[in-house]
Amino acid sequence: MFGAYAGQVLPWATGRAGAEWGGLARRSLWHHRLVSSGVLTATVAVALLIIVVASIRPVPPQRAYVLDVFGRYRRTLGPGVHLVIPLVESVRAKVDLSEQVASFPPQPAITSDNLVACISTVLYYRVVDPARATYEIANYRQALEVSTITVLRNLMGSTDLNRARTSRNEINSQLTEGLNAMTGSWGINVIRTEITAIETGSRQGCT
């Protein structure tokens, strides 16, 4: 079958028809290249846009973001707009820098006259080092409560119940000083403490 056309020029490959076919083929090839180039350009543009958006990290006022790289501390971002490295730097913690209040329920403490005092306290504190508050202590609010109980029991053990009730300001100052000696390494500053109640309790605890 093909032998019949051996050495012959096909009619559609010559003359006007051949030129038109060749031009159509070239236009189709260029169109395909342009479409492919456009798709590639759009893909790259979208990828770059995603990277740029992901690299912008706004931090609200009175907040700090602690960044780490593969589990290791990298840096701390203060309030404002910052650039981060996407997929490398990640936010480990968002820390509140404003003054915070912690209210603790009545805790028993033995006074020097061997009575049980149930003491209710309120703490006002602030995070001054977000990195330490993130990495040095697992739960600083819980640690504050335990530390408050420890310091209060030491203070109450050196005074009697009646004197404790009339010396709240002095006990507050000593409590604040004692807590700051413990919390400084956590990046926490205890601004002040308030003993809201000192009640007589029992060996079974406080109600």
N, C-alpha and C. Protein backbone atom coordinates (compact mmCIF):
# COMPACT_ATOMS: atom_id res chain seq x y z
N MET A 1 0.84 -1.21 0.00
CA MET A 1 0.00 0.00 0.00
C MET A 1 0.86 1.24 0.00
N PHE A 2 1.88 1.27 0.93
CA PHE A 2 2.72 2.45 1.01
C PHE A 2 3.69 2.53 -0.16
N GLY A 3 3.90 1.34 -0.81
CA GLY A 3 4.84 1.37 -1.93
C GLY A 3 4.34 2.21 -3.08
N ALA A 4 3.03 2.34 -3.19
CA ALA A 4 2.47 3.13 -4.29
C ALA A 4 2.84 4.57 -4.20
N TYR A 5 3.15 5.07 -2.95
CA TYR A 5 3.46 6.49 -2.76
C TYR A 5 4.95 6.73 -2.64
N ALA A 6 5.74 5.65 -2.83
CA ALA A 6 7.19 5.82 -2.70
C ALA A 6 7.70 6.77 -3.76
N GLY A 7 8.50 7.74 -3.35
CA GLY A 7 9.08 8.71 -4.27
C GLY A 7 8.13 9.78 -4.69
N GLN A 8 6.88 9.79 -4.23
CA GLN A 8 5.89 10.81 -4.57
C GLN A 8 5.76 11.81 -3.44
N VAL A 9 5.42 13.03 -3.76
CA VAL A 9 5.15 14.09 -2.78
C VAL A 9 3.67 14.13 -2.55
N LEU A 10 3.28 14.00 -1.30
CA LEU A 10 1.85 13.99 -0.97
C LEU A 10 1.25 15.34 -1.30
N PRO A 11 0.02 15.35 -1.81
CA PRO A 11 -0.56 16.62 -2.25
C PRO A 11 -0.75 17.61 -1.14
N TRP A 12 -1.09 17.10 0.10
CA TRP A 12 -1.37 18.06 1.19
C TRP A 12 -0.09 18.64 1.79
N ALA A 13 1.08 18.05 1.34
CA ALA A 13 2.34 18.55 1.87
C ALA A 13 2.98 19.59 0.96
N THR A 14 2.33 19.95 -0.17
CA THR A 14 2.90 20.91 -1.10
C THR A 14 1.90 22.02 -1.36
N GLY A 15 2.39 23.08 -1.88
CA GLY A 15 1.52 24.16 -2.29
C GLY A 15 0.90 24.89 -1.12
N ARG A 16 -0.22 25.48 -1.39
CA ARG A 16 -0.91 26.31 -0.40
C ARG A 16 -1.38 25.51 0.79
N ALA A 17 -1.91 24.30 0.50
CA ALA A 17 -2.41 23.46 1.60
C ALA A 17 -1.29 23.09 2.55
N GLY A 18 -0.10 22.77 1.99
CA GLY A 18 1.02 22.41 2.85
C GLY A 18 1.47 23.58 3.70
N ALA A 19 1.50 24.78 3.11
CA ALA A 19 1.91 25.97 3.86
C ALA A 19 0.94 26.26 4.99
N GLU A 20 -0.36 26.13 4.67
CA GLU A 20 -1.35 26.38 5.72
C GLU A 20 -1.22 25.37 6.85
N TRP A 21 -1.01 24.11 6.46
CA TRP A 21 -0.87 23.08 7.50
C TRP A 21 0.37 23.31 8.36
N GLY A 22 1.46 23.71 7.71
CA GLY A 22 2.68 23.98 8.46
C GLY A 22 2.52 25.16 9.40
N GLY A 23 1.83 26.22 8.91
CA GLY A 23 1.60 27.38 9.77
C GLY A 23 0.73 27.02 10.95
N LEU A 24 -0.31 26.21 10.71
CA LEU A 24 -1.19 25.79 11.80
C LEU A 24 -0.44 24.98 12.84
N ALA A 25 0.44 24.12 12.38
CA ALA A 25 1.23 23.30 13.31
C ALA A 25 2.13 24.17 14.16
N ARG A 26 2.77 25.18 13.50
CA ARG A 26 3.66 26.06 14.27
C ARG A 26 2.88 26.89 15.28
N ARG A 27 1.71 27.40 14.85
CA ARG A 27 0.89 28.19 15.79
C ARG A 27 0.43 27.34 16.96
N SER A 28 0.07 26.09 16.70
CA SER A 28 -0.38 25.19 17.76
C SER A 28 0.76 24.92 18.74
N LEU A 29 1.98 24.75 18.20
CA LEU A 29 3.12 24.50 19.06
C LEU A 29 3.43 25.70 19.94
N TRP A 30 3.40 26.92 19.33
CA TRP A 30 3.67 28.12 20.11
C TRP A 30 2.58 28.35 21.15
N HIS A 31 1.34 28.06 20.80
CA HIS A 31 0.23 28.21 21.75
C HIS A 31 0.41 27.27 22.94
N HIS A 32 0.83 26.06 22.65
CA HIS A 32 1.06 25.09 23.72
C HIS A 32 2.18 25.56 24.64
N ARG A 33 3.25 26.10 24.03
CA ARG A 33 4.36 26.60 24.83
C ARG A 33 3.94 27.78 25.69
N LEU A 34 3.15 28.69 25.12
CA LEU A 34 2.70 29.85 25.87
C LEU A 34 1.81 29.45 27.04
N VAL A 35 0.91 28.49 26.80
CA VAL A 35 0.02 28.03 27.87
C VAL A 35 0.84 27.37 28.98
N SER A 36 1.78 26.53 28.59
CA SER A 36 2.63 25.86 29.59
C SER A 36 3.42 26.88 30.38
N SER A 37 3.98 27.89 29.68
CA SER A 37 4.76 28.93 30.35
C SER A 37 3.87 29.74 31.30
N GLY A 38 2.65 30.03 30.86
CA GLY A 38 1.72 30.78 31.71
C GLY A 38 1.33 30.01 32.97
N VAL A 39 1.08 28.72 32.82
CA VAL A 39 0.74 27.88 33.97
C VAL A 39 1.90 27.84 34.96
N LEU A 40 3.12 27.68 34.42
CA LEU A 40 4.30 27.63 35.28
C LEU A 40 4.49 28.95 36.01
N THR A 41 4.33 30.07 35.28
CA THR A 41 4.48 31.39 35.90
C THR A 41 3.45 31.60 37.00
N ALA A 42 2.21 31.22 36.73
CA ALA A 42 1.14 31.37 37.74
C ALA A 42 1.41 30.51 38.96
N THR A 43 1.90 29.29 38.74
CA THR A 43 2.21 28.39 39.86
C THR A 43 3.32 28.97 40.73
N VAL A 44 4.37 29.48 40.08
CA VAL A 44 5.48 30.08 40.83
C VAL A 44 5.01 31.31 41.59
N ALA A 45 4.17 32.13 40.95
CA ALA A 45 3.66 33.34 41.60
C ALA A 45 2.83 33.00 42.83
N VAL A 46 1.97 32.00 42.71
CA VAL A 46 1.15 31.59 43.84
C VAL A 46 2.02 31.04 44.97
N ALA A 47 3.03 30.24 44.60
CA ALA A 47 3.94 29.68 45.62
C ALA A 47 4.69 30.80 46.35
N LEU A 48 5.17 31.80 45.58
CA LEU A 48 5.87 32.92 46.20
C LEU A 48 4.95 33.72 47.11
N LEU A 49 3.69 33.90 46.68
CA LEU A 49 2.73 34.62 47.50
C LEU A 49 2.47 33.90 48.82
N ILE A 50 2.35 32.59 48.75
CA ILE A 50 2.12 31.79 49.97
C ILE A 50 3.31 31.92 50.90
N ILE A 51 4.52 31.88 50.35
CA ILE A 51 5.73 31.99 51.17
C ILE A 51 5.80 33.36 51.83
N VAL A 52 5.49 34.41 51.06
CA VAL A 52 5.54 35.77 51.61
C VAL A 52 4.52 35.93 52.73
N VAL A 53 3.29 35.45 52.50
CA VAL A 53 2.25 35.56 53.54
C VAL A 53 2.64 34.77 54.78
N ALA A 54 3.20 33.58 54.57
CA ALA A 54 3.58 32.74 55.71
C ALA A 54 4.76 33.32 56.48
N SER A 55 5.56 34.14 55.83
CA SER A 55 6.74 34.71 56.49
C SER A 55 6.40 35.95 57.32
N ILE A 56 5.23 36.52 57.12
CA ILE A 56 4.82 37.71 57.88
C ILE A 56 4.13 37.26 59.16
N ARG A 57 4.64 37.69 60.30
CA ARG A 57 4.09 37.27 61.59
C ARG A 57 3.80 38.51 62.45
N PRO A 58 2.54 38.98 62.47
CA PRO A 58 2.20 40.11 63.35
C PRO A 58 2.02 39.64 64.79
N VAL A 59 2.54 40.41 65.72
CA VAL A 59 2.41 40.10 67.15
C VAL A 59 1.60 41.21 67.80
N PRO A 60 0.48 40.88 68.47
CA PRO A 60 -0.37 41.91 69.08
C PRO A 60 0.34 42.61 70.25
N PRO A 61 -0.17 43.77 70.65
CA PRO A 61 0.39 44.44 71.83
C PRO A 61 0.27 43.57 73.08
N GLN A 62 1.21 43.74 73.98
CA GLN A 62 1.25 42.99 75.24
C GLN A 62 1.35 41.48 75.04
N ARG A 63 1.96 41.09 73.92
CA ARG A 63 2.19 39.68 73.65
C ARG A 63 3.62 39.48 73.17
N ALA A 64 4.10 38.27 73.33
CA ALA A 64 5.41 37.89 72.80
C ALA A 64 5.31 36.47 72.26
N TYR A 65 5.92 36.24 71.11
CA TYR A 65 5.93 34.92 70.50
C TYR A 65 7.34 34.34 70.63
N VAL A 66 7.42 33.16 71.19
CA VAL A 66 8.70 32.47 71.33
C VAL A 66 8.86 31.51 70.16
N LEU A 67 9.92 31.70 69.38
CA LEU A 67 10.16 30.87 68.20
C LEU A 67 11.25 29.84 68.49
N ASP A 68 11.07 28.66 67.95
CA ASP A 68 12.15 27.68 68.01
C ASP A 68 12.36 27.06 66.63
N VAL A 69 13.50 26.44 66.49
CA VAL A 69 13.86 25.75 65.25
C VAL A 69 14.16 24.30 65.59
N PHE A 70 13.29 23.42 65.15
CA PHE A 70 13.44 21.99 65.41
C PHE A 70 13.61 21.70 66.91
N GLY A 71 12.77 22.39 67.71
CA GLY A 71 12.75 22.14 69.14
C GLY A 71 13.75 22.94 69.96
N ARG A 72 14.58 23.75 69.33
CA ARG A 72 15.57 24.56 70.05
C ARG A 72 15.18 26.03 69.96
N TYR A 73 15.40 26.74 71.09
CA TYR A 73 15.03 28.16 71.13
C TYR A 73 15.78 28.95 70.06
N ARG A 74 15.03 29.81 69.37
CA ARG A 74 15.62 30.62 68.31
C ARG A 74 15.65 32.11 68.68
N ARG A 75 14.46 32.67 68.94
CA ARG A 75 14.36 34.08 69.29
C ARG A 75 12.96 34.39 69.80
N THR A 76 12.80 35.60 70.33
CA THR A 76 11.50 36.05 70.85
C THR A 76 11.05 37.27 70.07
N LEU A 77 9.82 37.25 69.61
CA LEU A 77 9.25 38.36 68.86
C LEU A 77 8.38 39.20 69.78
N GLY A 78 8.67 40.50 69.83
CA GLY A 78 7.85 41.42 70.60
C GLY A 78 6.70 41.95 69.77
N PRO A 79 5.88 42.84 70.32
CA PRO A 79 4.75 43.40 69.56
C PRO A 79 5.21 44.09 68.29
N GLY A 80 4.46 43.90 67.20
CA GLY A 80 4.80 44.47 65.91
C GLY A 80 4.72 43.44 64.81
N VAL A 81 5.24 43.79 63.64
CA VAL A 81 5.23 42.90 62.48
C VAL A 81 6.65 42.40 62.24
N HIS A 82 6.78 41.09 62.09
CA HIS A 82 8.09 40.48 61.95
C HIS A 82 8.11 39.54 60.74
N LEU A 83 9.31 39.23 60.28
CA LEU A 83 9.50 38.24 59.23
C LEU A 83 10.11 36.99 59.84
N VAL A 84 9.52 35.85 59.51
CA VAL A 84 10.04 34.57 59.99
C VAL A 84 10.38 33.70 58.79
N ILE A 85 11.09 32.62 59.06
CA ILE A 85 11.45 31.69 57.99
C ILE A 85 10.42 30.57 57.96
N PRO A 86 9.54 30.53 56.94
CA PRO A 86 8.49 29.51 56.90
C PRO A 86 9.07 28.10 56.90
N LEU A 87 8.37 27.20 57.56
CA LEU A 87 8.72 25.79 57.65
C LEU A 87 10.00 25.52 58.44
N VAL A 88 10.66 26.57 58.91
CA VAL A 88 11.87 26.40 59.72
C VAL A 88 11.64 26.93 61.13
N GLU A 89 11.24 28.19 61.22
CA GLU A 89 10.93 28.79 62.52
C GLU A 89 9.45 28.56 62.84
N SER A 90 9.18 28.03 64.01
CA SER A 90 7.80 27.79 64.42
C SER A 90 7.55 28.46 65.77
N VAL A 91 6.29 28.82 66.01
CA VAL A 91 5.91 29.48 67.27
C VAL A 91 5.76 28.41 68.35
N ARG A 92 6.63 28.46 69.33
CA ARG A 92 6.57 27.49 70.44
C ARG A 92 5.52 27.92 71.46
N ALA A 93 5.43 29.24 71.73
CA ALA A 93 4.49 29.72 72.74
C ALA A 93 4.11 31.17 72.45
N LYS A 94 2.87 31.51 72.77
CA LYS A 94 2.39 32.89 72.71
C LYS A 94 2.18 33.33 74.16
N VAL A 95 2.99 34.28 74.60
CA VAL A 95 3.06 34.65 76.00
C VAL A 95 2.39 36.00 76.23
N ASP A 96 1.56 36.06 77.27
CA ASP A 96 0.90 37.31 77.68
C ASP A 96 1.86 38.11 78.55
N LEU A 97 2.16 39.35 78.13
CA LEU A 97 3.10 40.19 78.87
C LEU A 97 2.41 41.16 79.82
N SER A 98 1.10 41.19 79.81
CA SER A 98 0.38 42.12 80.68
C SER A 98 0.37 41.60 82.11
N GLU A 99 0.02 42.48 83.05
CA GLU A 99 -0.08 42.06 84.44
C GLU A 99 -1.23 41.08 84.60
N GLN A 100 -0.95 39.97 85.28
CA GLN A 100 -1.95 38.92 85.44
C GLN A 100 -2.25 38.70 86.92
N VAL A 101 -3.42 38.13 87.16
CA VAL A 101 -3.88 37.89 88.52
C VAL A 101 -4.12 36.40 88.71
N ALA A 102 -3.63 35.88 89.82
CA ALA A 102 -3.86 34.48 90.18
C ALA A 102 -4.43 34.44 91.59
N SER A 103 -5.61 33.85 91.71
CA SER A 103 -6.28 33.73 93.01
C SER A 103 -6.25 32.27 93.44
N PHE A 104 -5.74 32.03 94.65
CA PHE A 104 -5.59 30.67 95.15
C PHE A 104 -6.55 30.42 96.31
N PRO A 105 -7.14 29.24 96.36
CA PRO A 105 -8.08 28.91 97.44
C PRO A 105 -7.36 28.80 98.78
N PRO A 106 -8.10 28.77 99.90
CA PRO A 106 -7.47 28.69 101.24
C PRO A 106 -6.55 27.48 101.36
N GLN A 107 -5.36 27.74 101.91
CA GLN A 107 -4.37 26.68 102.11
C GLN A 107 -4.00 26.62 103.60
N PRO A 108 -3.87 25.42 104.18
CA PRO A 108 -3.55 25.30 105.60
C PRO A 108 -2.07 25.55 105.89
N ALA A 109 -1.81 26.21 107.00
CA ALA A 109 -0.45 26.44 107.46
C ALA A 109 -0.45 26.41 108.99
N ILE A 110 0.54 25.78 109.57
CA ILE A 110 0.64 25.66 111.02
C ILE A 110 1.40 26.86 111.57
N THR A 111 0.79 27.57 112.53
CA THR A 111 1.42 28.75 113.14
C THR A 111 2.34 28.31 114.28
N SER A 112 3.08 29.30 114.82
CA SER A 112 4.01 28.99 115.90
C SER A 112 3.31 28.55 117.18
N ASP A 113 2.02 28.92 117.35
CA ASP A 113 1.27 28.47 118.53
C ASP A 113 0.48 27.20 118.22
N ASN A 114 0.91 26.49 117.18
CA ASN A 114 0.38 25.15 116.85
C ASN A 114 -1.10 25.16 116.48
N LEU A 115 -1.51 26.22 115.80
CA LEU A 115 -2.87 26.32 115.28
C LEU A 115 -2.83 26.24 113.76
N VAL A 116 -3.96 25.84 113.19
CA VAL A 116 -4.06 25.75 111.73
C VAL A 116 -4.70 27.03 111.19
N ALA A 117 -3.97 27.72 110.34
CA ALA A 117 -4.49 28.93 109.69
C ALA A 117 -4.78 28.62 108.23
N CYS A 118 -5.96 28.95 107.80
CA CYS A 118 -6.34 28.79 106.38
C CYS A 118 -6.20 30.14 105.70
N ILE A 119 -5.28 30.22 104.76
CA ILE A 119 -4.91 31.51 104.18
C ILE A 119 -5.30 31.55 102.70
N SER A 120 -6.05 32.58 102.33
CA SER A 120 -6.42 32.82 100.93
C SER A 120 -5.54 33.94 100.38
N THR A 121 -5.00 33.75 99.21
CA THR A 121 -4.06 34.72 98.65
C THR A 121 -4.41 35.06 97.20
N VAL A 122 -3.99 36.25 96.81
CA VAL A 122 -4.10 36.71 95.43
C VAL A 122 -2.74 37.24 95.01
N LEU A 123 -2.27 36.80 93.84
CA LEU A 123 -0.97 37.23 93.32
C LEU A 123 -1.16 38.07 92.07
N TYR A 124 -0.34 39.12 91.96
CA TYR A 124 -0.26 39.93 90.76
C TYR A 124 1.15 39.78 90.20
N TYR A 125 1.24 39.29 88.99
CA TYR A 125 2.56 39.00 88.45
C TYR A 125 2.60 39.33 86.95
N ARG A 126 3.81 39.30 86.43
CA ARG A 126 4.02 39.58 85.00
C ARG A 126 5.17 38.73 84.49
N VAL A 127 5.04 38.28 83.24
CA VAL A 127 6.14 37.57 82.58
C VAL A 127 7.11 38.60 82.04
N VAL A 128 8.35 38.55 82.49
CA VAL A 128 9.37 39.51 82.05
C VAL A 128 10.37 38.87 81.09
N ASP A 129 10.42 37.56 81.05
CA ASP A 129 11.32 36.85 80.12
C ASP A 129 10.54 35.70 79.51
N PRO A 130 9.92 35.93 78.35
CA PRO A 130 9.08 34.88 77.73
C PRO A 130 9.83 33.58 77.46
N ALA A 131 11.09 33.67 77.08
CA ALA A 131 11.85 32.44 76.78
C ALA A 131 12.02 31.59 78.03
N ARG A 132 12.39 32.21 79.14
CA ARG A 132 12.55 31.45 80.39
C ARG A 132 11.20 30.89 80.86
N ALA A 133 10.14 31.69 80.72
CA ALA A 133 8.82 31.22 81.14
C ALA A 133 8.35 30.05 80.30
N THR A 134 8.90 29.91 79.10
CA THR A 134 8.52 28.82 78.21
C THR A 134 9.37 27.58 78.42
N TYR A 135 10.67 27.77 78.59
CA TYR A 135 11.59 26.63 78.60
C TYR A 135 12.03 26.20 80.00
N GLU A 136 12.02 27.12 80.97
CA GLU A 136 12.53 26.79 82.30
C GLU A 136 11.50 26.14 83.21
N ILE A 137 10.23 26.31 82.91
CA ILE A 137 9.17 25.77 83.77
C ILE A 137 8.04 25.28 82.88
N ALA A 138 7.47 24.14 83.24
CA ALA A 138 6.42 23.55 82.40
C ALA A 138 5.11 24.32 82.52
N ASN A 139 4.73 24.69 83.75
CA ASN A 139 3.47 25.41 83.98
C ASN A 139 3.71 26.41 85.10
N TYR A 140 4.02 27.66 84.72
CA TYR A 140 4.43 28.62 85.74
C TYR A 140 3.28 29.03 86.66
N ARG A 141 2.05 28.96 86.19
CA ARG A 141 0.94 29.33 87.06
C ARG A 141 0.77 28.28 88.18
N GLN A 142 0.87 27.03 87.82
CA GLN A 142 0.81 25.98 88.83
C GLN A 142 2.00 26.07 89.78
N ALA A 143 3.18 26.36 89.22
CA ALA A 143 4.37 26.50 90.05
C ALA A 143 4.24 27.68 91.01
N LEU A 144 3.59 28.75 90.57
CA LEU A 144 3.36 29.89 91.45
C LEU A 144 2.49 29.50 92.65
N GLU A 145 1.47 28.70 92.41
CA GLU A 145 0.60 28.28 93.50
C GLU A 145 1.37 27.42 94.51
N VAL A 146 2.15 26.47 94.02
CA VAL A 146 2.93 25.61 94.92
C VAL A 146 3.95 26.44 95.69
N SER A 147 4.60 27.37 95.01
CA SER A 147 5.60 28.21 95.68
C SER A 147 4.96 29.10 96.74
N THR A 148 3.77 29.62 96.44
CA THR A 148 3.06 30.45 97.41
C THR A 148 2.76 29.67 98.68
N ILE A 149 2.29 28.45 98.53
CA ILE A 149 1.99 27.60 99.69
C ILE A 149 3.26 27.36 100.50
N THR A 150 4.37 27.08 99.81
CA THR A 150 5.63 26.79 100.51
C THR A 150 6.11 27.98 101.32
N VAL A 151 6.13 29.17 100.69
CA VAL A 151 6.61 30.37 101.37
C VAL A 151 5.68 30.73 102.52
N LEU A 152 4.36 30.64 102.31
CA LEU A 152 3.41 30.98 103.37
C LEU A 152 3.58 30.07 104.59
N ARG A 153 3.77 28.81 104.37
CA ARG A 153 3.94 27.88 105.49
C ARG A 153 5.21 28.18 106.27
N ASN A 154 6.26 28.59 105.58
CA ASN A 154 7.49 28.98 106.28
C ASN A 154 7.27 30.24 107.10
N LEU A 155 6.55 31.20 106.54
CA LEU A 155 6.30 32.46 107.26
C LEU A 155 5.38 32.24 108.46
N MET A 156 4.33 31.46 108.27
CA MET A 156 3.37 31.24 109.35
C MET A 156 3.97 30.41 110.48
N GLY A 157 4.95 29.60 110.15
CA GLY A 157 5.58 28.78 111.18
C GLY A 157 6.38 29.59 112.17
N SER A 158 6.67 30.84 111.84
CA SER A 158 7.46 31.70 112.75
C SER A 158 6.61 32.78 113.41
N THR A 159 5.31 32.70 113.30
CA THR A 159 4.44 33.69 113.95
C THR A 159 3.18 33.01 114.46
N ASP A 160 2.52 33.63 115.44
CA ASP A 160 1.28 33.06 115.95
C ASP A 160 0.10 33.58 115.16
N LEU A 161 -1.06 32.95 115.38
CA LEU A 161 -2.23 33.26 114.56
C LEU A 161 -2.70 34.69 114.74
N ASN A 162 -2.75 35.20 115.97
CA ASN A 162 -3.22 36.56 116.21
C ASN A 162 -2.31 37.60 115.57
N ARG A 163 -1.01 37.38 115.69
CA ARG A 163 -0.08 38.33 115.09
C ARG A 163 -0.17 38.28 113.57
N ALA A 164 -0.38 37.10 113.02
CA ALA A 164 -0.52 36.98 111.57
C ALA A 164 -1.71 37.78 111.07
N ARG A 165 -2.78 37.78 111.82
CA ARG A 165 -3.99 38.49 111.40
C ARG A 165 -3.80 40.01 111.43
N THR A 166 -2.92 40.48 112.31
CA THR A 166 -2.71 41.92 112.42
C THR A 166 -1.48 42.40 111.65
N SER A 167 -0.81 41.48 110.99
CA SER A 167 0.43 41.84 110.29
C SER A 167 0.38 41.42 108.83
N ARG A 168 -0.75 41.59 108.20
CA ARG A 168 -0.89 41.14 106.80
C ARG A 168 0.05 41.87 105.86
N ASN A 169 0.21 43.18 106.07
CA ASN A 169 1.08 43.95 105.17
C ASN A 169 2.51 43.44 105.23
N GLU A 170 2.97 43.15 106.44
CA GLU A 170 4.32 42.63 106.59
C GLU A 170 4.46 41.26 105.94
N ILE A 171 3.46 40.41 106.16
CA ILE A 171 3.49 39.08 105.56
C ILE A 171 3.43 39.18 104.03
N ASN A 172 2.62 40.10 103.52
CA ASN A 172 2.54 40.30 102.07
C ASN A 172 3.90 40.67 101.48
N SER A 173 4.61 41.57 102.15
CA SER A 173 5.93 41.99 101.66
C SER A 173 6.91 40.82 101.68
N GLN A 174 6.90 40.07 102.78
CA GLN A 174 7.80 38.93 102.88
C GLN A 174 7.44 37.84 101.86
N LEU A 175 6.15 37.67 101.62
CA LEU A 175 5.71 36.68 100.64
C LEU A 175 6.15 37.07 99.23
N THR A 176 5.99 38.35 98.89
CA THR A 176 6.42 38.83 97.57
C THR A 176 7.92 38.65 97.38
N GLU A 177 8.69 39.00 98.40
CA GLU A 177 10.15 38.86 98.32
C GLU A 177 10.55 37.39 98.18
N GLY A 178 9.92 36.54 98.98
CA GLY A 178 10.24 35.12 98.92
C GLY A 178 9.89 34.50 97.58
N LEU A 179 8.75 34.90 97.00
CA LEU A 179 8.35 34.35 95.71
C LEU A 179 9.29 34.81 94.60
N ASN A 180 9.70 36.07 94.61
CA ASN A 180 10.59 36.57 93.57
C ASN A 180 11.95 35.89 93.62
N ALA A 181 12.37 35.47 94.80
CA ALA A 181 13.62 34.73 94.90
C ALA A 181 13.53 33.38 94.21
N MET A 182 12.31 32.84 94.11
CA MET A 182 12.11 31.54 93.48
C MET A 182 11.76 31.66 92.00
N THR A 183 11.02 32.69 91.63
CA THR A 183 10.47 32.79 90.27
C THR A 183 11.35 33.55 89.29
N GLY A 184 12.42 34.19 89.79
CA GLY A 184 13.28 34.96 88.88
C GLY A 184 13.86 34.11 87.77
N SER A 185 14.24 32.88 88.09
CA SER A 185 14.82 32.00 87.06
C SER A 185 13.79 31.52 86.06
N TRP A 186 12.50 31.72 86.36
CA TRP A 186 11.44 31.33 85.42
C TRP A 186 11.04 32.48 84.50
N GLY A 187 11.63 33.66 84.71
CA GLY A 187 11.24 34.81 83.92
C GLY A 187 9.94 35.43 84.39
N ILE A 188 9.60 35.23 85.68
CA ILE A 188 8.36 35.75 86.26
C ILE A 188 8.69 36.76 87.34
N ASN A 189 8.01 37.89 87.34
CA ASN A 189 8.16 38.89 88.39
C ASN A 189 6.84 39.03 89.14
N VAL A 190 6.86 38.72 90.44
CA VAL A 190 5.68 38.89 91.28
C VAL A 190 5.63 40.35 91.72
N ILE A 191 4.62 41.06 91.27
CA ILE A 191 4.52 42.49 91.55
C ILE A 191 4.09 42.74 92.99
N ARG A 192 3.05 42.06 93.40
CA ARG A 192 2.58 42.18 94.79
C ARG A 192 1.69 40.99 95.12
N THR A 193 1.49 40.78 96.40
CA THR A 193 0.59 39.73 96.87
C THR A 193 -0.39 40.31 97.87
N GLU A 194 -1.53 39.70 97.97
CA GLU A 194 -2.54 40.12 98.94
C GLU A 194 -3.10 38.90 99.65
N ILE A 195 -2.99 38.91 100.96
CA ILE A 195 -3.65 37.88 101.76
C ILE A 195 -5.07 38.37 102.01
N THR A 196 -6.03 37.70 101.43
CA THR A 196 -7.41 38.17 101.50
C THR A 196 -8.15 37.65 102.73
N ALA A 197 -7.67 36.56 103.31
CA ALA A 197 -8.35 36.00 104.49
C ALA A 197 -7.39 35.08 105.24
N ILE A 198 -7.47 35.17 106.58
CA ILE A 198 -6.77 34.23 107.45
C ILE A 198 -7.81 33.68 108.43
N GLU A 199 -8.20 32.46 108.24
CA GLU A 199 -9.23 31.84 109.06
C GLU A 199 -8.64 30.66 109.85
N THR A 200 -9.31 30.35 110.96
CA THR A 200 -8.88 29.20 111.75
C THR A 200 -9.39 27.93 111.09
N GLY A 201 -8.49 26.99 110.88
CA GLY A 201 -8.85 25.75 110.25
C GLY A 201 -8.70 24.57 111.19
N SER A 202 -8.63 23.40 110.63
CA SER A 202 -8.49 22.18 111.42
C SER A 202 -7.40 21.31 110.81
N ARG A 203 -7.04 20.24 111.51
CA ARG A 203 -6.01 19.34 111.01
C ARG A 203 -6.47 18.62 109.74
N GLN A 204 -7.76 18.59 109.51
CA GLN A 204 -8.28 17.95 108.31
C GLN A 204 -8.14 18.83 107.08
N GLY A 205 -7.77 20.09 107.28
CA GLY A 205 -7.60 21.00 106.15
C GLY A 205 -8.54 22.17 106.19
N CYS A 206 -8.65 22.86 105.07
CA CYS A 206 -9.50 24.06 104.96
C CYS A 206 -10.72 23.73 104.12
N THR A 207 -11.83 24.39 104.42
CA THR A 207 -13.05 24.20 103.67
C THR A 207 -13.40 25.46 102.92
